[in-house]
PDB file of all heavy atoms in Angstrom:
ATOM      1  N   GLN A   1      30.298 -40.481  -1.955  1.00  0.00           N
ATOM      2  CA  GLN A   1      29.255 -40.908  -2.883  1.00  0.00           C
ATOM      3  C   GLN A   1      29.695 -42.108  -3.719  1.00  0.00           C
ATOM      4  O   GLN A   1      28.881 -42.987  -4.029  1.00  0.00           O
ATOM      5  CB  GLN A   1      28.859 -39.757  -3.802  1.00  0.00           C
ATOM      6  CG  GLN A   1      28.165 -38.603  -3.112  1.00  0.00           C
ATOM      7  CD  GLN A   1      26.891 -39.025  -2.400  1.00  0.00           C
ATOM      8  OE1 GLN A   1      26.523 -38.466  -1.371  1.00  0.00           O
ATOM      9  NE2 GLN A   1      26.200 -40.024  -2.926  1.00  0.00           N
ATOM     10  N   THR A   2      30.970 -42.173  -4.070  1.00  0.00           N
ATOM     11  CA  THR A   2      31.466 -43.300  -4.851  1.00  0.00           C
ATOM     12  C   THR A   2      31.395 -44.590  -4.051  1.00  0.00           C
ATOM     13  O   THR A   2      30.909 -45.615  -4.533  1.00  0.00           O
ATOM     14  CB  THR A   2      32.912 -43.048  -5.315  1.00  0.00           C
ATOM     15  OG1 THR A   2      32.958 -41.878  -6.141  1.00  0.00           O
ATOM     16  CG2 THR A   2      33.453 -44.233  -6.094  1.00  0.00           C
ATOM     17  N   VAL A   3      31.885 -44.549  -2.806  1.00  0.00           N
ATOM     18  CA  VAL A   3      31.849 -45.746  -1.958  1.00  0.00           C
ATOM     19  C   VAL A   3      30.410 -46.128  -1.635  1.00  0.00           C
ATOM     20  O   VAL A   3      30.046 -47.305  -1.643  1.00  0.00           O
ATOM     21  CB  VAL A   3      32.651 -45.508  -0.660  1.00  0.00           C
ATOM     22  CG1 VAL A   3      32.481 -46.682   0.300  1.00  0.00           C
ATOM     23  CG2 VAL A   3      34.121 -45.302  -0.978  1.00  0.00           C
ATOM     24  N   SER A   4      29.566 -45.135  -1.370  1.00  0.00           N
ATOM     25  CA  SER A   4      28.167 -45.403  -1.058  1.00  0.00           C
ATOM     26  C   SER A   4      27.463 -46.084  -2.228  1.00  0.00           C
ATOM     27  O   SER A   4      26.674 -47.018  -2.041  1.00  0.00           O
ATOM     28  CB  SER A   4      27.450 -44.097  -0.707  1.00  0.00           C
ATOM     29  OG  SER A   4      26.076 -44.320  -0.433  1.00  0.00           O
ATOM     30  N   ALA A   5      27.761 -45.639  -3.437  1.00  0.00           N
ATOM     31  CA  ALA A   5      27.131 -46.238  -4.621  1.00  0.00           C
ATOM     32  C   ALA A   5      27.715 -47.611  -4.923  1.00  0.00           C
ATOM     33  O   ALA A   5      26.979 -48.557  -5.233  1.00  0.00           O
ATOM     34  CB  ALA A   5      27.302 -45.311  -5.820  1.00  0.00           C
ATOM     35  N   LEU A   6      29.039 -47.745  -4.842  1.00  0.00           N
ATOM     36  CA  LEU A   6      29.693 -49.014  -5.162  1.00  0.00           C
ATOM     37  C   LEU A   6      29.242 -50.124  -4.225  1.00  0.00           C
ATOM     38  O   LEU A   6      29.050 -51.272  -4.651  1.00  0.00           O
ATOM     39  CB  LEU A   6      31.214 -48.845  -5.092  1.00  0.00           C
ATOM     40  CG  LEU A   6      32.053 -50.087  -5.406  1.00  0.00           C
ATOM     41  CD1 LEU A   6      31.781 -50.571  -6.831  1.00  0.00           C
ATOM     42  CD2 LEU A   6      33.535 -49.790  -5.221  1.00  0.00           C
ATOM     43  N   THR A   7      29.075 -49.811  -2.948  1.00  0.00           N
ATOM     44  CA  THR A   7      28.617 -50.806  -1.980  1.00  0.00           C
ATOM     45  C   THR A   7      27.106 -50.970  -1.990  1.00  0.00           C
ATOM     46  O   THR A   7      26.574 -51.818  -1.271  1.00  0.00           O
ATOM     47  CB  THR A   7      29.073 -50.421  -0.566  1.00  0.00           C
ATOM     48  OG1 THR A   7      28.547 -49.127  -0.223  1.00  0.00           O
ATOM     49  CG2 THR A   7      30.591 -50.370  -0.477  1.00  0.00           C
ATOM     50  N   GLY A   8      26.414 -50.151  -2.772  1.00  0.00           N
ATOM     51  CA  GLY A   8      24.962 -50.240  -2.850  1.00  0.00           C
ATOM     52  C   GLY A   8      24.249 -49.718  -1.627  1.00  0.00           C
ATOM     53  O   GLY A   8      23.066 -50.014  -1.430  1.00  0.00           O
ATOM     54  N   THR A   9      24.942 -48.924  -0.819  1.00  0.00           N
ATOM     55  CA  THR A   9      24.347 -48.436   0.431  1.00  0.00           C
ATOM     56  C   THR A   9      23.306 -47.352   0.165  1.00  0.00           C
ATOM     57  O   THR A   9      22.161 -47.448   0.607  1.00  0.00           O
ATOM     58  CB  THR A   9      25.431 -47.897   1.378  1.00  0.00           C
ATOM     59  OG1 THR A   9      26.438 -48.899   1.540  1.00  0.00           O
ATOM     60  CG2 THR A   9      24.838 -47.559   2.730  1.00  0.00           C
ATOM     61  N   GLY A  10      23.697 -46.304  -0.532  1.00  0.00           N
ATOM     62  CA  GLY A  10      22.745 -45.267  -0.891  1.00  0.00           C
ATOM     63  C   GLY A  10      22.723 -44.050   0.004  1.00  0.00           C
ATOM     64  O   GLY A  10      21.881 -43.167  -0.186  1.00  0.00           O
ATOM     65  N   PHE A  11      23.626 -43.963   0.987  1.00  0.00           N
ATOM     66  CA  PHE A  11      23.740 -42.727   1.762  1.00  0.00           C
ATOM     67  C   PHE A  11      24.211 -41.606   0.836  1.00  0.00           C
ATOM     68  O   PHE A  11      24.819 -41.847  -0.209  1.00  0.00           O
ATOM     69  CB  PHE A  11      24.760 -42.885   2.895  1.00  0.00           C
ATOM     70  CG  PHE A  11      24.270 -43.687   4.061  1.00  0.00           C
ATOM     71  CD1 PHE A  11      25.000 -44.765   4.530  1.00  0.00           C
ATOM     72  CD2 PHE A  11      23.096 -43.356   4.712  1.00  0.00           C
ATOM     73  CE1 PHE A  11      24.568 -45.499   5.617  1.00  0.00           C
ATOM     74  CE2 PHE A  11      22.647 -44.079   5.799  1.00  0.00           C
ATOM     75  CZ  PHE A  11      23.389 -45.164   6.250  1.00  0.00           C
ATOM     76  N   SER A  12      23.960 -40.363   1.243  1.00  0.00           N
ATOM     77  CA  SER A  12      24.407 -39.231   0.428  1.00  0.00           C
ATOM     78  C   SER A  12      24.773 -38.054   1.320  1.00  0.00           C
ATOM     79  O   SER A  12      24.221 -37.879   2.401  1.00  0.00           O
ATOM     80  CB  SER A  12      23.323 -38.806  -0.566  1.00  0.00           C
ATOM     81  OG  SER A  12      22.165 -38.370   0.123  1.00  0.00           O
ATOM     82  N   THR A  13      25.725 -37.282   0.858  1.00  0.00           N
ATOM     83  CA  THR A  13      26.107 -36.042   1.529  1.00  0.00           C
ATOM     84  C   THR A  13      25.745 -34.828   0.692  1.00  0.00           C
ATOM     85  O   THR A  13      25.947 -33.695   1.124  1.00  0.00           O
ATOM     86  CB  THR A  13      27.630 -36.021   1.809  1.00  0.00           C
ATOM     87  OG1 THR A  13      28.333 -36.231   0.571  1.00  0.00           O
ATOM     88  CG2 THR A  13      28.016 -37.107   2.799  1.00  0.00           C
ATOM     89  N   ILE A  14      25.247 -35.076  -0.513  1.00  0.00           N
ATOM     90  CA  ILE A  14      24.852 -34.000  -1.418  1.00  0.00           C
ATOM     91  C   ILE A  14      23.458 -34.299  -1.967  1.00  0.00           C
ATOM     92  O   ILE A  14      22.951 -35.425  -1.829  1.00  0.00           O
ATOM     93  CB  ILE A  14      25.855 -33.832  -2.583  1.00  0.00           C
ATOM     94  CG1 ILE A  14      26.019 -35.160  -3.332  1.00  0.00           C
ATOM     95  CG2 ILE A  14      27.199 -33.334  -2.077  1.00  0.00           C
ATOM     96  CD1 ILE A  14      26.982 -35.097  -4.495  1.00  0.00           C
ATOM     97  N   ASP A  15      22.871 -33.324  -2.594  1.00  0.00           N
ATOM     98  CA  ASP A  15      21.549 -33.494  -3.188  1.00  0.00           C
ATOM     99  C   ASP A  15      21.689 -34.224  -4.515  1.00  0.00           C
ATOM    100  O   ASP A  15      22.168 -33.653  -5.503  1.00  0.00           O
ATOM    101  CB  ASP A  15      20.889 -32.129  -3.382  1.00  0.00           C
ATOM    102  CG  ASP A  15      19.481 -32.239  -3.955  1.00  0.00           C
ATOM    103  OD1 ASP A  15      18.920 -33.362  -3.949  1.00  0.00           O
ATOM    104  OD2 ASP A  15      18.930 -31.210  -4.394  1.00  0.00           O
ATOM    105  N   ILE A  16      21.292 -35.479  -4.557  1.00  0.00           N
ATOM    106  CA  ILE A  16      21.449 -36.287  -5.767  1.00  0.00           C
ATOM    107  C   ILE A  16      20.607 -35.738  -6.919  1.00  0.00           C
ATOM    108  O   ILE A  16      21.007 -35.776  -8.086  1.00  0.00           O
ATOM    109  CB  ILE A  16      21.073 -37.748  -5.490  1.00  0.00           C
ATOM    110  CG1 ILE A  16      21.944 -38.314  -4.357  1.00  0.00           C
ATOM    111  CG2 ILE A  16      21.233 -38.590  -6.745  1.00  0.00           C
ATOM    112  CD1 ILE A  16      23.408 -38.372  -4.675  1.00  0.00           C
ATOM    113  N   ALA A  17      19.428 -35.201  -6.599  1.00  0.00           N
ATOM    114  CA  ALA A  17      18.528 -34.710  -7.647  1.00  0.00           C
ATOM    115  C   ALA A  17      19.130 -33.554  -8.440  1.00  0.00           C
ATOM    116  O   ALA A  17      18.783 -33.351  -9.603  1.00  0.00           O
ATOM    117  CB  ALA A  17      17.202 -34.287  -7.031  1.00  0.00           C
ATOM    118  N   SER A  18      20.020 -32.809  -7.809  1.00  0.00           N
ATOM    119  CA  SER A  18      20.603 -31.638  -8.471  1.00  0.00           C
ATOM    120  C   SER A  18      21.835 -31.984  -9.303  1.00  0.00           C
ATOM    121  O   SER A  18      22.400 -31.095  -9.953  1.00  0.00           O
ATOM    122  CB  SER A  18      20.978 -30.579  -7.432  1.00  0.00           C
ATOM    123  OG  SER A  18      21.991 -31.065  -6.562  1.00  0.00           O
ATOM    124  N   LEU A  19      22.257 -33.220  -9.298  1.00  0.00           N
ATOM    125  CA  LEU A  19      23.454 -33.607 -10.041  1.00  0.00           C
ATOM    126  C   LEU A  19      23.185 -33.612 -11.540  1.00  0.00           C
ATOM    127  O   LEU A  19      22.041 -33.722 -11.989  1.00  0.00           O
ATOM    128  CB  LEU A  19      23.926 -34.993  -9.599  1.00  0.00           C
ATOM    129  CG  LEU A  19      24.398 -35.141  -8.154  1.00  0.00           C
ATOM    130  CD1 LEU A  19      24.804 -36.586  -7.883  1.00  0.00           C
ATOM    131  CD2 LEU A  19      25.560 -34.202  -7.858  1.00  0.00           C
ATOM    132  N   SER A  20      24.251 -33.527 -12.306  1.00  0.00           N
ATOM    133  CA  SER A  20      24.144 -33.589 -13.759  1.00  0.00           C
ATOM    134  C   SER A  20      23.798 -35.008 -14.193  1.00  0.00           C
ATOM    135  O   SER A  20      23.931 -35.969 -13.428  1.00  0.00           O
ATOM    136  CB  SER A  20      25.461 -33.161 -14.406  1.00  0.00           C
ATOM    137  OG  SER A  20      26.506 -34.071 -14.073  1.00  0.00           O
ATOM    138  N   ASP A  21      23.372 -35.150 -15.425  1.00  0.00           N
ATOM    139  CA  ASP A  21      23.044 -36.470 -15.951  1.00  0.00           C
ATOM    140  C   ASP A  21      24.269 -37.389 -15.960  1.00  0.00           C
ATOM    141  O   ASP A  21      24.151 -38.598 -15.735  1.00  0.00           O
ATOM    142  CB  ASP A  21      22.482 -36.351 -17.367  1.00  0.00           C
ATOM    143  CG  ASP A  21      21.104 -35.700 -17.388  1.00  0.00           C
ATOM    144  OD1 ASP A  21      20.438 -35.697 -16.334  1.00  0.00           O
ATOM    145  OD2 ASP A  21      20.704 -35.189 -18.455  1.00  0.00           O
ATOM    146  N   ALA A  22      25.429 -36.800 -16.212  1.00  0.00           N
ATOM    147  CA  ALA A  22      26.660 -37.597 -16.220  1.00  0.00           C
ATOM    148  C   ALA A  22      26.954 -38.163 -14.840  1.00  0.00           C
ATOM    149  O   ALA A  22      27.330 -39.333 -14.704  1.00  0.00           O
ATOM    150  CB  ALA A  22      27.833 -36.741 -16.705  1.00  0.00           C
ATOM    151  N   SER A  23      26.775 -37.342 -13.808  1.00  0.00           N
ATOM    152  CA  SER A  23      27.019 -37.797 -12.434  1.00  0.00           C
ATOM    153  C   SER A  23      26.030 -38.879 -12.034  1.00  0.00           C
ATOM    154  O   SER A  23      26.389 -39.892 -11.425  1.00  0.00           O
ATOM    155  CB  SER A  23      26.933 -36.612 -11.469  1.00  0.00           C
ATOM    156  OG  SER A  23      27.930 -35.654 -11.740  1.00  0.00           O
ATOM    157  N   LYS A  24      24.768 -38.671 -12.366  1.00  0.00           N
ATOM    158  CA  LYS A  24      23.747 -39.673 -12.030  1.00  0.00           C
ATOM    159  C   LYS A  24      24.000 -40.985 -12.765  1.00  0.00           C
ATOM    160  O   LYS A  24      23.862 -42.076 -12.198  1.00  0.00           O
ATOM    161  CB  LYS A  24      22.358 -39.137 -12.380  1.00  0.00           C
ATOM    162  CG  LYS A  24      21.903 -37.954 -11.534  1.00  0.00           C
ATOM    163  CD  LYS A  24      20.540 -37.452 -12.001  1.00  0.00           C
ATOM    164  CE  LYS A  24      20.092 -36.249 -11.193  1.00  0.00           C
ATOM    165  NZ  LYS A  24      18.801 -35.693 -11.680  1.00  0.00           N
ATOM    166  N   GLY A  25      24.377 -40.876 -14.031  1.00  0.00           N
ATOM    167  CA  GLY A  25      24.658 -42.078 -14.808  1.00  0.00           C
ATOM    168  C   GLY A  25      25.841 -42.852 -14.260  1.00  0.00           C
ATOM    169  O   GLY A  25      25.827 -44.084 -14.210  1.00  0.00           O
ATOM    170  N   PHE A  26      26.864 -42.113 -13.821  1.00  0.00           N
ATOM    171  CA  PHE A  26      28.055 -42.764 -13.266  1.00  0.00           C
ATOM    172  C   PHE A  26      27.705 -43.504 -11.983  1.00  0.00           C
ATOM    173  O   PHE A  26      28.111 -44.664 -11.798  1.00  0.00           O
ATOM    174  CB  PHE A  26      29.135 -41.722 -12.996  1.00  0.00           C
ATOM    175  CG  PHE A  26      30.341 -42.279 -12.288  1.00  0.00           C
ATOM    176  CD1 PHE A  26      31.297 -42.989 -12.995  1.00  0.00           C
ATOM    177  CD2 PHE A  26      30.503 -42.097 -10.929  1.00  0.00           C
ATOM    178  CE1 PHE A  26      32.400 -43.519 -12.342  1.00  0.00           C
ATOM    179  CE2 PHE A  26      31.598 -42.616 -10.272  1.00  0.00           C
ATOM    180  CZ  PHE A  26      32.554 -43.328 -10.987  1.00  0.00           C
ATOM    181  N   LEU A  27      26.972 -42.860 -11.074  1.00  0.00           N
ATOM    182  CA  LEU A  27      26.597 -43.502  -9.819  1.00  0.00           C
ATOM    183  C   LEU A  27      25.723 -44.731 -10.070  1.00  0.00           C
ATOM    184  O   LEU A  27      25.871 -45.760  -9.392  1.00  0.00           O
ATOM    185  CB  LEU A  27      25.865 -42.513  -8.910  1.00  0.00           C
ATOM    186  CG  LEU A  27      26.689 -41.353  -8.359  1.00  0.00           C
ATOM    187  CD1 LEU A  27      25.818 -40.438  -7.503  1.00  0.00           C
ATOM    188  CD2 LEU A  27      27.877 -41.857  -7.544  1.00  0.00           C
ATOM    189  N   SER A  28      24.826 -44.628 -11.030  1.00  0.00           N
ATOM    190  CA  SER A  28      23.960 -45.765 -11.355  1.00  0.00           C
ATOM    191  C   SER A  28      24.767 -46.935 -11.889  1.00  0.00           C
ATOM    192  O   SER A  28      24.470 -48.100 -11.587  1.00  0.00           O
ATOM    193  CB  SER A  28      22.896 -45.355 -12.373  1.00  0.00           C
ATOM    194  OG  SER A  28      22.058 -44.329 -11.865  1.00  0.00           O
ATOM    195  N   ALA A  29      25.799 -46.632 -12.665  1.00  0.00           N
ATOM    196  CA  ALA A  29      26.613 -47.688 -13.273  1.00  0.00           C
ATOM    197  C   ALA A  29      27.404 -48.457 -12.217  1.00  0.00           C
ATOM    198  O   ALA A  29      27.396 -49.693 -12.205  1.00  0.00           O
ATOM    199  CB  ALA A  29      27.557 -47.093 -14.318  1.00  0.00           C
ATOM    200  N   ILE A  30      28.078 -47.739 -11.314  1.00  0.00           N
ATOM    201  CA  ILE A  30      28.894 -48.446 -10.328  1.00  0.00           C
ATOM    202  C   ILE A  30      28.029 -49.091  -9.249  1.00  0.00           C
ATOM    203  O   ILE A  30      28.460 -50.030  -8.580  1.00  0.00           O
ATOM    204  CB  ILE A  30      29.934 -47.506  -9.675  1.00  0.00           C
ATOM    205  CG1 ILE A  30      29.259 -46.368  -8.907  1.00  0.00           C
ATOM    206  CG2 ILE A  30      30.879 -46.954 -10.717  1.00  0.00           C
ATOM    207  CD1 ILE A  30      30.253 -45.521  -8.128  1.00  0.00           C
ATOM    208  N   MET A  31      26.800 -48.614  -9.090  1.00  0.00           N
ATOM    209  CA  MET A  31      25.900 -49.235  -8.116  1.00  0.00           C
ATOM    210  C   MET A  31      25.529 -50.650  -8.555  1.00  0.00           C
ATOM    211  O   MET A  31      25.200 -51.500  -7.720  1.00  0.00           O
ATOM    212  CB  MET A  31      24.635 -48.391  -7.951  1.00  0.00           C
ATOM    213  CG  MET A  31      23.745 -48.814  -6.795  1.00  0.00           C
ATOM    214  SD  MET A  31      22.318 -47.718  -6.571  1.00  0.00           S
ATOM    215  CE  MET A  31      23.147 -46.224  -6.043  1.00  0.00           C
ATOM    216  N   CYS A  32      25.582 -50.915  -9.862  1.00  0.00           N
ATOM    217  CA  CYS A  32      25.252 -52.247 -10.365  1.00  0.00           C
ATOM    218  C   CYS A  32      26.330 -53.268 -10.030  1.00  0.00           C
ATOM    219  O   CYS A  32      26.080 -54.478 -10.100  1.00  0.00           O
ATOM    220  CB  CYS A  32      25.059 -52.205 -11.880  1.00  0.00           C
ATOM    221  SG  CYS A  32      23.636 -51.228 -12.416  1.00  0.00           S
ATOM    222  N   ILE A  33      27.533 -52.813  -9.678  1.00  0.00           N
ATOM    223  CA  ILE A  33      28.639 -53.735  -9.412  1.00  0.00           C
ATOM    224  C   ILE A  33      28.487 -54.383  -8.037  1.00  0.00           C
ATOM    225  O   ILE A  33      28.492 -55.596  -7.892  1.00  0.00           O
ATOM    226  CB  ILE A  33      29.993 -53.004  -9.521  1.00  0.00           C
ATOM    227  CG1 ILE A  33      30.177 -52.463 -10.934  1.00  0.00           C
ATOM    228  CG2 ILE A  33      31.133 -53.945  -9.152  1.00  0.00           C
ATOM    229  CD1 ILE A  33      31.425 -51.621 -11.116  1.00  0.00           C
ATOM    230  N   GLY A  34      28.351 -53.569  -7.001  1.00  0.00           N
ATOM    231  CA  GLY A  34      28.211 -54.118  -5.657  1.00  0.00           C
ATOM    232  C   GLY A  34      29.547 -54.471  -5.033  1.00  0.00           C
ATOM    233  O   GLY A  34      30.617 -54.120  -5.541  1.00  0.00           O
ATOM    234  N   GLY A  35      29.493 -55.193  -3.910  1.00  0.00           N
ATOM    235  CA  GLY A  35      30.701 -55.556  -3.173  1.00  0.00           C
ATOM    236  C   GLY A  35      31.079 -57.012  -3.387  1.00  0.00           C
ATOM    237  O   GLY A  35      30.832 -57.595  -4.444  1.00  0.00           O
ATOM    238  N   SER A  36      31.670 -57.605  -2.368  1.00  0.00           N
ATOM    239  CA  SER A  36      32.159 -58.979  -2.458  1.00  0.00           C
ATOM    240  C   SER A  36      31.027 -59.984  -2.309  1.00  0.00           C
ATOM    241  O   SER A  36      29.999 -59.715  -1.687  1.00  0.00           O
ATOM    242  CB  SER A  36      33.202 -59.231  -1.362  1.00  0.00           C
ATOM    243  OG  SER A  36      34.280 -58.321  -1.447  1.00  0.00           O
ATOM    244  N   ILE A  37      31.254 -61.167  -2.863  1.00  0.00           N
ATOM    245  CA  ILE A  37      30.351 -62.281  -2.605  1.00  0.00           C
ATOM    246  C   ILE A  37      30.463 -62.657  -1.128  1.00  0.00           C
ATOM    247  O   ILE A  37      31.560 -62.742  -0.579  1.00  0.00           O
ATOM    248  CB  ILE A  37      30.706 -63.483  -3.494  1.00  0.00           C
ATOM    249  CG1 ILE A  37      30.279 -63.220  -4.939  1.00  0.00           C
ATOM    250  CG2 ILE A  37      30.071 -64.759  -2.986  1.00  0.00           C
ATOM    251  CD1 ILE A  37      30.574 -64.351  -5.884  1.00  0.00           C
ATOM    252  N   GLY A  38      29.327 -62.875  -0.489  1.00  0.00           N
ATOM    253  CA  GLY A  38      29.338 -63.192   0.930  1.00  0.00           C
ATOM    254  C   GLY A  38      29.235 -61.976   1.814  1.00  0.00           C
ATOM    255  O   GLY A  38      29.377 -62.076   3.039  1.00  0.00           O
ATOM    256  N   SER A  39      28.968 -60.810   1.208  1.00  0.00           N
ATOM    257  CA  SER A  39      28.781 -59.578   1.968  1.00  0.00           C
ATOM    258  C   SER A  39      27.305 -59.216   1.974  1.00  0.00           C
ATOM    259  O   SER A  39      26.463 -59.974   1.495  1.00  0.00           O
ATOM    260  CB  SER A  39      29.606 -58.437   1.353  1.00  0.00           C
ATOM    261  OG  SER A  39      29.090 -58.082   0.074  1.00  0.00           O
ATOM    262  N   THR A  40      26.981 -58.044   2.489  1.00  0.00           N
ATOM    263  CA  THR A  40      25.578 -57.617   2.550  1.00  0.00           C
ATOM    264  C   THR A  40      25.165 -56.772   1.349  1.00  0.00           C
ATOM    265  O   THR A  40      24.038 -56.298   1.300  1.00  0.00           O
ATOM    266  CB  THR A  40      25.327 -56.805   3.836  1.00  0.00           C
ATOM    267  OG1 THR A  40      26.141 -55.621   3.818  1.00  0.00           O
ATOM    268  CG2 THR A  40      25.649 -57.622   5.075  1.00  0.00           C
ATOM    269  N   THR A  41      26.060 -56.588   0.396  1.00  0.00           N
ATOM    270  CA  THR A  41      25.763 -55.708  -0.730  1.00  0.00           C
ATOM    271  C   THR A  41      24.947 -56.416  -1.802  1.00  0.00           C
ATOM    272  O   THR A  41      24.842 -57.642  -1.846  1.00  0.00           O
ATOM    273  CB  THR A  41      27.062 -55.196  -1.377  1.00  0.00           C
ATOM    274  OG1 THR A  41      27.793 -56.317  -1.883  1.00  0.00           O
ATOM    275  CG2 THR A  41      27.910 -54.460  -0.386  1.00  0.00           C
ATOM    276  N   GLY A  42      24.384 -55.609  -2.708  1.00  0.00           N
ATOM    277  CA  GLY A  42      23.674 -56.143  -3.855  1.00  0.00           C
ATOM    278  C   GLY A  42      24.555 -56.081  -5.085  1.00  0.00           C
ATOM    279  O   GLY A  42      25.774 -56.110  -4.996  1.00  0.00           O
TER     280      GLY A  42
END
């Protein structure tokens, strides 16, 4: 989930809706970072 969020991919192996607010907030925060310049990430 960390790699999926950091790269902005969005795959999941768990039910995201059932996560705590802290977990959802953390994933949302690192999703804003993205990958390298010149890659396919956002």
